[in-house]
Amino acid sequence: MVQIILPAHLRTLAGVSGEVWLELAPPVTVAAILDAVEARFPPLLGTIRDAQSRKRRPFVRFYACEEDLSHDDPDTPLPAAVAEGREPFWIIGAIAGG
């Protein structure tokens, strides 16, 4: 089981109050996690990544094991700690401005 932490506004859209746990077949990748999240919570379709291009939306970041994975290839396997549920996969809304 993979633990996914969503920002508050996406938890509200998904209708969940805490972290999300999803069963994923290996290899566990960012793309696989996002596919599973969008399938389980259809209101999130198009909020994390563009529904057509499937590219990450601006101001959305992905973290796992204290590393920013936002610019990595979404088909790269994630660390075993994430795939085994020992570490969460974070989807975070970035903040810009001065």
Protein backbone atom coordinates (compact mmCIF):
# COMPACT_ATOMS: atom_id res chain seq x y z
CA MET A 1 0.00 0.00 0.00
CA VAL A 2 1.20 3.47 -0.90
CA GLN A 3 0.49 6.40 1.40
CA ILE A 4 -0.40 9.64 -0.41
CA ILE A 5 -0.60 12.99 1.33
CA LEU A 6 -2.81 15.51 -0.47
CA PRO A 7 -3.05 19.25 0.24
CA ALA A 8 -6.18 20.40 2.09
CA HIS A 9 -8.03 21.73 -0.97
CA LEU A 10 -7.55 18.44 -2.86
CA ARG A 11 -8.65 16.42 0.19
CA THR A 12 -11.84 18.49 0.19
CA LEU A 13 -12.45 17.80 -3.52
CA ALA A 14 -11.73 14.10 -3.00
CA GLY A 15 -13.98 13.93 0.07
CA VAL A 16 -11.27 12.55 2.37
CA SER A 17 -10.10 13.87 5.72
CA GLY A 18 -6.61 12.41 5.98
CA GLU A 19 -3.98 10.60 4.00
CA VAL A 20 -4.97 8.26 1.19
CA TRP A 21 -3.76 4.65 0.99
CA LEU A 22 -3.87 2.89 -2.38
CA GLU A 23 -2.74 -0.55 -3.52
CA LEU A 24 -0.47 -0.30 -6.56
CA ALA A 25 1.22 -2.97 -8.60
CA PRO A 26 4.95 -2.56 -9.14
CA PRO A 27 6.64 -0.56 -10.41
CA VAL A 28 5.32 2.30 -8.26
CA THR A 29 5.91 5.53 -10.16
CA VAL A 30 4.58 9.09 -9.97
CA ALA A 31 2.47 8.37 -13.07
CA ALA A 32 1.04 5.19 -11.51
CA ILE A 33 0.18 7.03 -8.29
CA LEU A 34 -1.54 9.85 -10.17
CA ASP A 35 -3.44 7.38 -12.37
CA ALA A 36 -4.68 5.57 -9.23
CA VAL A 37 -5.59 8.80 -7.41
CA GLU A 38 -7.56 10.12 -10.40
CA ALA A 39 -9.32 6.77 -10.88
CA ARG A 40 -10.29 6.53 -7.19
CA PHE A 41 -11.23 10.21 -6.88
CA PRO A 42 -12.66 11.44 -10.22
CA PRO A 43 -13.14 15.05 -8.97
CA LEU A 44 -9.32 15.30 -8.89
CA LEU A 45 -9.01 14.60 -12.63
CA GLY A 46 -7.26 17.62 -14.14
CA THR A 47 -6.36 19.22 -10.81
CA ILE A 48 -2.89 17.70 -10.29
CA ARG A 49 -1.95 17.30 -13.94
CA ASP A 50 -3.53 18.37 -17.19
CA ALA A 51 -6.16 15.82 -18.25
CA GLN A 52 -5.02 15.77 -21.90
CA SER A 53 -1.24 16.23 -21.79
CA ARG A 54 -0.87 14.52 -18.38
CA LYS A 55 1.82 17.07 -17.46
CA ARG A 56 2.11 18.31 -13.88
CA ARG A 57 0.22 21.53 -13.30
CA PRO A 58 2.22 24.63 -12.39
CA PHE A 59 2.53 25.16 -8.64
CA VAL A 60 2.06 21.46 -7.87
CA ARG A 61 5.06 19.59 -6.51
CA PHE A 62 5.79 15.95 -5.68
CA TYR A 63 8.00 14.87 -2.78
CA ALA A 64 9.08 11.53 -1.35
CA CYS A 65 11.90 10.57 1.01
CA GLU A 66 12.79 14.25 1.47
CA GLU A 67 13.43 14.72 -2.26
CA ASP A 68 11.65 16.93 -4.79
CA LEU A 69 10.51 14.61 -7.57
CA SER A 70 8.54 17.26 -9.45
CA HIS A 71 10.87 17.43 -12.45
CA ASP A 72 11.79 13.73 -12.60
CA ASP A 73 10.43 11.48 -15.32
CA PRO A 74 6.98 10.39 -14.04
CA ASP A 75 7.69 6.80 -15.11
CA THR A 76 10.80 6.46 -12.92
CA PRO A 77 10.26 3.90 -10.13
CA LEU A 78 9.96 5.51 -6.70
CA PRO A 79 12.10 4.43 -3.74
CA ALA A 80 11.18 1.13 -2.07
CA ALA A 81 10.22 2.99 1.12
CA VAL A 82 7.40 4.70 -0.80
CA ALA A 83 6.33 1.58 -2.69
CA GLU A 84 6.16 -0.36 0.60
CA GLY A 85 4.23 2.37 2.45
CA ARG A 86 7.02 3.18 4.91
CA GLU A 87 7.36 6.73 3.55
CA PRO A 88 4.54 8.85 2.11
CA PHE A 89 4.29 10.36 -1.34
CA TRP A 90 3.46 14.06 -0.96
CA ILE A 91 1.51 16.17 -3.42
CA ILE A 92 2.04 19.77 -2.41
CA GLY A 93 0.71 23.07 -3.67
CA ALA A 94 3.70 25.38 -4.22
CA ILE A 95 3.64 29.06 -3.29
CA ALA A 96 5.09 31.83 -5.42
CA GLY A 97 5.53 35.50 -4.81
CA GLY A 98 7.73 37.89 -3.01
